[in-house]
Amino acid sequence: MPKLRLAVICDYPEEGWHSMDLCADMLITYLKLEHSQNFEVIKVCPKFKPRLQLLPWLGKKKAAFNFDRLINRFWDYPNYLKTRVKDFDLFHIADHTYSQMALVLPSDRTGIFCHDIDAFRSVLEPDQEPRPWWYRFMSQRILKGFKKASIVFHTTLEIRKQIEYYQIIGSNRLVQASLGISEDFVPKLDSSDLLNSNTGFLPFFLHVGSCIPRKRIDILLEVFAQVRNLYPDFKLVKVGGEWTDSQRSQIQNLNLENSIIHLHNLEPKEIADLYRQATAVLVTSEAEGFGLPVIEALACGAVVVASDIPVLQEVGGEAGIYCSIANLSDWIEAIALVIKKSEQVPNLNQRLAQAQKYSWSNHAAIVAQAYLKIKVEN
């Protein structure tokens, strides 16, 4: 039987969605490593075409990039795929926010990976998520493509519940494929990495991720400010994201400028080093599709203090400590337990055991099996 040609349709790297890029790259890597007998895996991503960004008087503005994003996503990319349909047997859209691509692909041979349903909320809950007409139009287009797929992979049972609650697609088309952990994220092996060049010997809390609204950076900063009043030697290390104007103002108002270390463009090994040395990893999100920092931190042996949303509790299990998002006293009490090394804190064996439930190898195996089934049925 000839190998099945599987196109993995990836995000434009210019968009900077690092977690989406990581998931696509890991899937490709492990399909090639462990399923090459059945699949020829090809990464698909056309060249991003700047338009307004080329204009000298407008090109550097965010609006110019956003305009170019929309044209590339909704015009250039679909038209590119139209010319390549005959080149592949199967199509895997690695990011559900690119689901509009399914509208130009054969539905019976197309799958989509759903990380969350945020992209659809302005259509599903217009009263709760009010957006401009053009944004709703865009979301409707994405949702239309999403519904067309033969199979939809999802990260957690919580995301499945949300898809089923809104009756977006039938349950018979849903397959859970939890994400994995890079081999860089391992416990501390010896004492050689006790000193990190970014933090020195200072004790610190760590947050890894963007600064978008659902990450609730406002809660992160407020919690840290109160903890610092009790434990003034601590720093907050923030990896990734760009502060918004309101976040910068909050940092100034809380007098945190000299207590935060903001790092960008770190390699996985560097992030793993920070996980291993952090007193606790703080995850203050009010919504997530999976929460990669939770399992990455646990895999490094770190203590995780996270918001008590269902997704994070599902992923972290009993190995995490959970707090009500806006209840600052919850966070302060939990962090105090960590600092005092209370027996109430999940132990190292619990943390490592939870992380071991996740692997990119299992992720790729589930995806591969689903596509083999599709091919047999067709």
Protein backbone atom coordinates (compact mmCIF):
# COMPACT_ATOMS: atom_id res chain seq x y z
CA MET A 1 0.00 0.00 0.00
CA PRO A 2 1.51 3.37 -1.01
CA LYS A 3 2.12 5.96 1.65
CA LEU A 4 -0.65 8.48 2.27
CA ARG A 5 0.37 12.02 1.46
CA LEU A 6 -0.66 14.08 4.51
CA ALA A 7 -0.54 17.85 4.27
CA VAL A 8 -0.11 19.57 7.63
CA ILE A 9 -1.46 23.07 7.08
CA CYS A 10 0.40 25.45 9.38
CA ASP A 11 0.01 29.03 10.57
CA TYR A 12 1.93 31.83 8.97
CA PRO A 13 5.01 32.20 11.23
CA GLU A 14 4.70 35.98 10.86
CA GLU A 15 1.65 35.84 13.14
CA GLY A 16 3.80 34.79 16.07
CA TRP A 17 1.50 32.12 17.55
CA HIS A 18 4.36 30.09 19.01
CA SER A 19 2.19 27.46 20.68
CA MET A 20 0.40 26.76 17.38
CA ASP A 21 3.73 26.50 15.58
CA LEU A 22 5.04 24.15 18.27
CA CYS A 23 2.04 21.82 18.05
CA ALA A 24 2.29 21.60 14.27
CA ASP A 25 6.04 21.04 14.32
CA MET A 26 5.83 18.33 17.00
CA LEU A 27 3.09 16.51 15.09
CA ILE A 28 5.15 16.59 11.90
CA THR A 29 8.28 15.45 13.75
CA TYR A 30 6.65 12.44 15.42
CA LEU A 31 4.63 11.40 12.40
CA LYS A 32 7.85 11.30 10.42
CA LEU A 33 9.74 9.49 13.19
CA GLU A 34 7.15 6.88 14.11
CA HIS A 35 4.61 6.63 11.28
CA SER A 36 6.65 6.96 8.11
CA GLN A 37 5.53 3.50 6.99
CA ASN A 38 2.02 4.87 6.44
CA PHE A 39 2.45 8.58 5.78
CA GLU A 40 4.48 10.98 3.73
CA VAL A 41 4.09 14.12 5.83
CA ILE A 42 4.47 17.50 4.15
CA LYS A 43 4.44 20.83 5.97
CA VAL A 44 2.34 23.33 4.04
CA CYS A 45 2.58 27.07 4.47
CA PRO A 46 2.74 29.57 1.59
CA LYS A 47 4.88 32.67 1.74
CA PHE A 48 3.23 35.56 3.60
CA LYS A 49 2.59 38.48 1.21
CA PRO A 50 2.89 41.96 2.71
CA ARG A 51 0.82 44.68 1.13
CA LEU A 52 0.05 47.65 3.38
CA GLN A 53 3.24 46.83 5.27
CA LEU A 54 5.19 47.86 2.19
CA LEU A 55 3.86 51.42 2.36
CA PRO A 56 6.41 53.77 3.93
CA TRP A 57 3.84 55.95 5.71
CA LEU A 58 1.68 53.13 7.04
CA GLY A 59 3.68 49.91 6.95
CA LYS A 60 4.92 49.87 10.54
CA LYS A 61 1.49 50.37 12.08
CA LYS A 62 -0.32 47.43 13.65
CA ALA A 63 -3.36 48.10 11.46
CA ALA A 64 -1.25 47.48 8.35
CA PHE A 65 -0.13 44.08 9.63
CA ASN A 66 -3.66 43.12 10.65
CA PHE A 67 -4.97 44.03 7.20
CA ASP A 68 -2.25 41.94 5.58
CA ARG A 69 -3.06 39.05 7.95
CA LEU A 70 -6.69 39.03 6.88
CA ILE A 71 -5.89 39.12 3.16
CA ASN A 72 -3.33 36.34 3.53
CA ARG A 73 -5.60 34.18 5.68
CA PHE A 74 -8.82 34.58 3.76
CA TRP A 75 -7.60 35.07 0.19
CA ASP A 76 -4.00 34.08 -0.48
CA TYR A 77 -3.80 30.91 1.60
CA PRO A 78 -7.10 29.36 0.38
CA ASN A 79 -6.21 30.15 -3.23
CA TYR A 80 -2.82 28.55 -2.75
CA LEU A 81 -4.42 25.40 -1.36
CA LYS A 82 -6.82 25.21 -4.30
CA THR A 83 -3.84 24.68 -6.58
CA ARG A 84 -2.47 21.84 -4.43
CA VAL A 85 -5.52 19.73 -3.65
CA LYS A 86 -4.40 17.01 -6.07
CA ASP A 87 -0.98 16.80 -4.41
CA PHE A 88 -2.30 15.20 -1.21
CA ASP A 89 -4.49 12.40 0.03
CA LEU A 90 -5.29 13.94 3.44
CA PHE A 91 -5.29 17.41 4.97
CA HIS A 92 -4.67 18.36 8.60
CA ILE A 93 -5.35 21.97 9.59
CA ALA A 94 -3.13 22.43 12.64
CA ASP A 95 -4.90 25.50 14.04
CA HIS A 96 -8.69 25.77 14.16
CA THR A 97 -8.53 29.53 13.55
CA TYR A 98 -7.44 28.59 10.01
CA SER A 99 -10.57 26.45 9.54
CA GLN A 100 -11.67 28.57 6.60
CA MET A 101 -9.12 26.56 4.60
CA ALA A 102 -11.47 23.58 4.84
CA LEU A 103 -13.88 25.40 2.54
CA VAL A 104 -11.54 24.77 -0.42
CA LEU A 105 -10.52 21.24 0.59
CA PRO A 106 -12.35 17.91 0.21
CA SER A 107 -14.33 17.60 3.44
CA ASP A 108 -14.12 13.81 3.62
CA ARG A 109 -10.31 13.99 3.72
CA THR A 110 -9.81 17.02 5.98
CA GLY A 111 -9.24 17.19 9.72
CA ILE A 112 -8.85 20.16 12.04
CA PHE A 113 -7.14 20.47 15.40
CA CYS A 114 -9.26 22.49 17.83
CA HIS A 115 -7.30 24.12 20.63
CA ASP A 116 -10.28 26.08 22.03
CA ILE A 117 -13.49 27.68 20.80
CA ASP A 118 -12.59 31.32 21.45
CA ALA A 119 -12.55 32.12 17.73
CA PHE A 120 -16.25 31.26 17.54
CA ARG A 121 -17.61 32.97 20.65
CA SER A 122 -18.68 36.16 18.87
CA VAL A 123 -21.00 33.97 16.77
CA LEU A 124 -22.03 31.48 19.45
CA GLU A 125 -22.54 34.06 22.21
CA PRO A 126 -22.92 37.48 20.52
CA ASP A 127 -24.31 39.05 23.71
CA GLN A 128 -21.41 37.82 25.82
CA GLU A 129 -18.75 38.46 23.19
CA PRO A 130 -19.75 41.61 21.25
CA ARG A 131 -17.55 42.26 18.23
CA PRO A 132 -17.61 44.49 15.13
CA TRP A 133 -19.49 43.19 12.10
CA TRP A 134 -16.31 42.45 10.17
CA TYR A 135 -14.96 40.31 13.04
CA ARG A 136 -18.22 38.36 13.25
CA PHE A 137 -18.15 37.83 9.48
CA MET A 138 -14.61 36.48 9.78
CA SER A 139 -15.62 34.21 12.67
CA GLN A 140 -18.62 32.90 10.74
CA ARG A 141 -16.34 32.02 7.85
CA ILE A 142 -13.96 30.16 10.17
CA LEU A 143 -16.84 28.35 11.86
CA LYS A 144 -18.33 27.33 8.51
CA GLY A 145 -15.04 25.69 7.55
CA PHE A 146 -14.76 24.07 10.99
CA LYS A 147 -18.14 22.40 10.59
CA LYS A 148 -17.12 21.01 7.21
CA ALA A 149 -14.24 18.87 8.50
CA SER A 150 -14.52 15.10 8.55
CA ILE A 151 -12.77 14.93 11.92
CA VAL A 152 -11.96 17.42 14.66
CA PHE A 153 -9.23 16.72 17.19
CA HIS A 154 -9.47 18.41 20.58
CA THR A 155 -7.03 18.91 23.44
CA THR A 156 -9.14 18.16 26.52
CA LEU A 157 -12.47 16.72 27.58
CA GLU A 158 -13.51 20.22 28.62
CA ILE A 159 -13.09 21.51 25.07
CA ARG A 160 -15.12 18.54 23.84
CA LYS A 161 -17.90 19.46 26.29
CA GLN A 162 -17.94 23.01 24.94
CA ILE A 163 -18.12 21.83 21.33
CA GLU A 164 -20.97 19.49 22.22
CA TYR A 165 -22.77 22.10 24.32
CA TYR A 166 -22.95 24.49 21.38
CA GLN A 167 -23.71 21.61 18.98
CA ILE A 168 -20.99 22.79 16.62
CA ILE A 169 -20.38 19.33 15.13
CA GLY A 170 -21.47 15.80 15.91
CA SER A 171 -19.72 13.89 18.70
CA ASN A 172 -18.91 11.07 16.26
CA ARG A 173 -16.42 13.38 14.55
CA LEU A 174 -14.54 14.32 17.74
CA VAL A 175 -11.24 12.73 18.79
CA GLN A 176 -9.20 13.74 21.82
CA ALA A 177 -5.47 14.11 21.17
CA SER A 178 -3.83 15.71 24.19
CA LEU A 179 -0.67 17.70 23.60
CA GLY A 180 2.79 16.57 24.64
CA ILE A 181 5.98 17.74 26.28
CA SER A 182 9.27 18.48 24.56
CA GLU A 183 12.28 16.43 25.63
CA ASP A 184 13.86 19.64 26.94
CA PHE A 185 11.43 19.70 29.86
CA VAL A 186 12.93 17.31 32.39
CA PRO A 187 13.62 17.50 36.14
CA LYS A 188 16.82 18.96 37.49
CA LEU A 189 19.52 16.34 37.00
CA ASP A 190 22.31 17.87 39.02
CA SER A 191 23.34 21.12 40.68
CA SER A 192 24.99 22.59 37.59
CA ASP A 193 21.97 24.71 36.62
CA LEU A 194 21.35 26.31 39.99
CA LEU A 195 22.42 29.68 38.63
CA ASN A 196 20.42 31.07 35.74
CA SER A 197 22.03 33.90 33.80
CA ASN A 198 18.70 35.74 33.66
CA THR A 199 17.88 35.63 37.37
CA GLY A 200 21.02 34.92 39.38
CA PHE A 201 20.35 33.51 42.84
CA LEU A 202 17.21 35.57 43.48
CA PRO A 203 14.05 33.61 44.33
CA PHE A 204 11.34 34.15 41.73
CA PHE A 205 7.89 33.24 40.49
CA LEU A 206 7.46 32.45 36.82
CA HIS A 207 4.79 33.12 34.22
CA VAL A 208 5.16 31.78 30.68
CA GLY A 209 2.83 32.96 27.94
CA SER A 210 1.34 35.93 26.16
CA CYS A 211 -0.26 39.04 27.63
CA ILE A 212 -3.64 38.70 25.92
CA PRO A 213 -6.76 39.38 28.04
CA ARG A 214 -7.64 35.77 28.89
CA LYS A 215 -4.24 35.31 30.58
CA ARG A 216 -5.42 37.75 33.28
CA ILE A 217 -2.09 39.46 33.68
CA ASP A 218 -3.87 41.99 35.89
CA ILE A 219 -4.42 39.23 38.45
CA LEU A 220 -0.82 38.03 38.07
CA LEU A 221 0.53 41.51 38.81
CA GLU A 222 -1.80 42.14 41.72
CA VAL A 223 -0.98 38.78 43.29
CA PHE A 224 2.73 39.35 42.89
CA ALA A 225 2.49 42.85 44.38
CA GLN A 226 0.82 41.47 47.50
CA VAL A 227 3.27 38.58 47.79
CA ARG A 228 6.19 40.95 47.42
CA ASN A 229 4.89 42.98 50.37
CA LEU A 230 5.24 39.84 52.48
CA TYR A 231 8.39 38.49 50.80
CA PRO A 232 10.30 41.47 49.35
CA ASP A 233 13.21 39.42 48.02
CA PHE A 234 11.11 37.71 45.35
CA LYS A 235 11.09 38.65 41.68
CA LEU A 236 8.55 37.90 38.97
CA VAL A 237 10.01 36.47 35.77
CA LYS A 238 7.71 36.92 32.78
CA VAL A 239 8.55 34.94 29.62
CA GLY A 240 6.92 36.04 26.38
CA GLY A 241 4.24 38.54 25.44
CA GLU A 242 4.28 42.31 25.25
CA TRP A 243 2.81 44.47 27.98
CA THR A 244 -0.30 46.39 27.03
CA ASP A 245 -0.61 50.05 28.00
CA SER A 246 -2.92 49.15 30.88
CA GLN A 247 -0.49 46.50 32.12
CA ARG A 248 2.38 48.97 32.04
CA SER A 249 0.29 51.42 34.02
CA GLN A 250 -0.55 48.72 36.56
CA ILE A 251 3.13 47.84 36.94
CA GLN A 252 3.94 51.50 37.62
CA ASN A 253 1.03 51.97 40.02
CA LEU A 254 2.07 48.88 41.98
CA ASN A 255 5.70 50.01 41.96
CA LEU A 256 6.86 46.76 40.35
CA GLU A 257 9.23 48.10 37.70
CA ASN A 258 12.34 46.89 39.50
CA SER A 259 10.83 43.59 40.60
CA ILE A 260 9.94 42.12 37.20
CA ILE A 261 12.30 40.50 34.72
CA HIS A 262 10.69 40.31 31.28
CA LEU A 263 12.34 37.86 28.88
CA HIS A 264 11.69 37.15 25.20
CA ASN A 265 12.69 34.69 22.50
CA LEU A 266 14.06 32.05 24.84
CA GLU A 267 14.94 28.57 23.65
CA PRO A 268 13.02 25.65 25.23
CA LYS A 269 16.11 24.64 27.21
CA GLU A 270 16.27 28.12 28.73
CA ILE A 271 12.58 28.04 29.66
CA ALA A 272 13.05 24.58 31.17
CA ASP A 273 15.90 25.95 33.28
CA LEU A 274 13.59 28.67 34.59
CA TYR A 275 10.84 26.14 35.36
CA ARG A 276 13.30 24.10 37.40
CA GLN A 277 14.48 27.06 39.44
CA ALA A 278 11.19 28.91 39.99
CA THR A 279 9.69 28.81 43.47
CA ALA A 280 6.34 28.42 41.72
CA VAL A 281 4.93 28.73 38.23
CA LEU A 282 1.83 30.96 38.21
CA VAL A 283 -0.92 30.43 35.63
CA THR A 284 -3.66 33.01 36.13
CA SER A 285 -5.69 32.39 32.94
CA GLU A 286 -9.48 32.68 32.91
CA ALA A 287 -9.70 30.54 29.75
CA GLU A 288 -7.39 28.00 28.11
CA GLY A 289 -7.60 25.25 25.55
CA PHE A 290 -4.95 23.12 27.23
CA GLY A 291 -2.28 24.99 29.18
CA LEU A 292 1.10 23.80 27.95
CA PRO A 293 3.03 25.70 30.66
CA VAL A 294 1.25 23.58 33.28
CA ILE A 295 2.55 20.25 32.03
CA GLU A 296 5.91 21.68 30.97
CA ALA A 297 6.44 23.02 34.48
CA LEU A 298 5.33 19.75 36.10
CA ALA A 299 7.67 17.80 33.84
CA CYS A 300 10.53 19.94 35.16
CA GLY A 301 9.46 19.22 38.72
CA ALA A 302 8.10 22.73 39.33
CA VAL A 303 5.24 23.61 41.64
CA VAL A 304 2.27 24.97 39.68
CA VAL A 305 -0.26 27.39 41.16
CA ALA A 306 -3.03 27.88 38.63
CA SER A 307 -6.53 29.26 38.28
CA ASP A 308 -9.25 26.72 39.00
CA ILE A 309 -10.79 26.66 35.53
CA PRO A 310 -11.82 23.14 34.40
CA VAL A 311 -9.22 22.84 31.63
CA LEU A 312 -6.25 23.51 33.91
CA GLN A 313 -7.61 21.22 36.62
CA GLU A 314 -8.05 18.48 34.02
CA VAL A 315 -4.51 18.88 32.68
CA GLY A 316 -2.76 19.37 36.01
CA GLY A 317 -4.82 16.90 38.01
CA GLU A 318 -3.88 16.50 41.66
CA ALA A 319 -0.34 17.66 40.90
CA GLY A 320 -1.37 21.32 40.77
CA ILE A 321 -2.61 23.87 43.30
CA TYR A 322 -5.72 25.75 42.16
CA CYS A 323 -7.11 29.16 43.08
CA SER A 324 -10.26 31.06 42.27
CA ILE A 325 -9.19 33.52 39.59
CA ALA A 326 -10.20 36.80 41.22
CA ASN A 327 -9.83 35.69 44.85
CA LEU A 328 -6.48 37.22 45.72
CA SER A 329 -6.41 35.71 49.19
CA ASP A 330 -6.59 32.25 47.60
CA TRP A 331 -3.45 32.99 45.64
CA ILE A 332 -1.59 34.53 48.56
CA GLU A 333 -2.37 31.57 50.81
CA ALA A 334 -1.36 29.04 48.16
CA ILE A 335 1.92 30.80 47.43
CA ALA A 336 2.68 31.06 51.15
CA LEU A 337 2.27 27.29 51.41
CA VAL A 338 4.76 26.84 48.60
CA ILE A 339 7.30 29.21 50.13
CA LYS A 340 6.99 27.46 53.50
CA LYS A 341 7.27 24.06 51.77
CA SER A 342 4.07 22.84 53.36
CA GLU A 343 3.13 19.18 53.15
CA GLN A 344 -0.09 20.33 51.46
CA VAL A 345 1.92 21.11 48.33
CA PRO A 346 1.88 18.19 45.82
CA ASN A 347 5.21 16.38 46.09
CA LEU A 348 7.76 15.92 43.33
CA ASN A 349 6.67 12.38 42.49
CA GLN A 350 3.07 13.53 42.03
CA ARG A 351 4.17 16.34 39.76
CA LEU A 352 6.36 14.16 37.57
CA ALA A 353 3.79 11.37 37.39
CA GLN A 354 1.13 13.77 36.10
CA ALA A 355 3.45 15.13 33.42
CA GLN A 356 4.28 11.63 32.22
CA LYS A 357 0.67 11.21 31.05
CA TYR A 358 1.42 13.52 28.11
CA SER A 359 3.67 12.87 25.14
CA TRP A 360 3.97 14.01 21.54
CA SER A 361 4.42 10.38 20.56
CA ASN A 362 0.92 9.53 21.86
CA HIS A 363 -0.44 12.69 20.26
CA ALA A 364 0.92 11.73 16.84
CA ALA A 365 -0.25 8.12 17.20
CA ILE A 366 -3.85 9.21 17.83
CA VAL A 367 -3.81 11.57 14.86
CA ALA A 368 -2.24 8.92 12.60
CA GLN A 369 -4.81 6.29 13.57
CA ALA A 370 -7.68 8.68 12.91
CA TYR A 371 -6.45 9.50 9.41
CA LEU A 372 -5.88 5.83 8.59
CA LYS A 373 -9.48 5.19 9.61
CA ILE A 374 -10.69 8.02 7.37
CA LYS A 375 -8.80 6.59 4.43
CA VAL A 376 -10.23 3.09 4.99
CA GLU A 377 -13.76 4.45 5.22
CA ASN A 378 -13.34 6.40 2.00
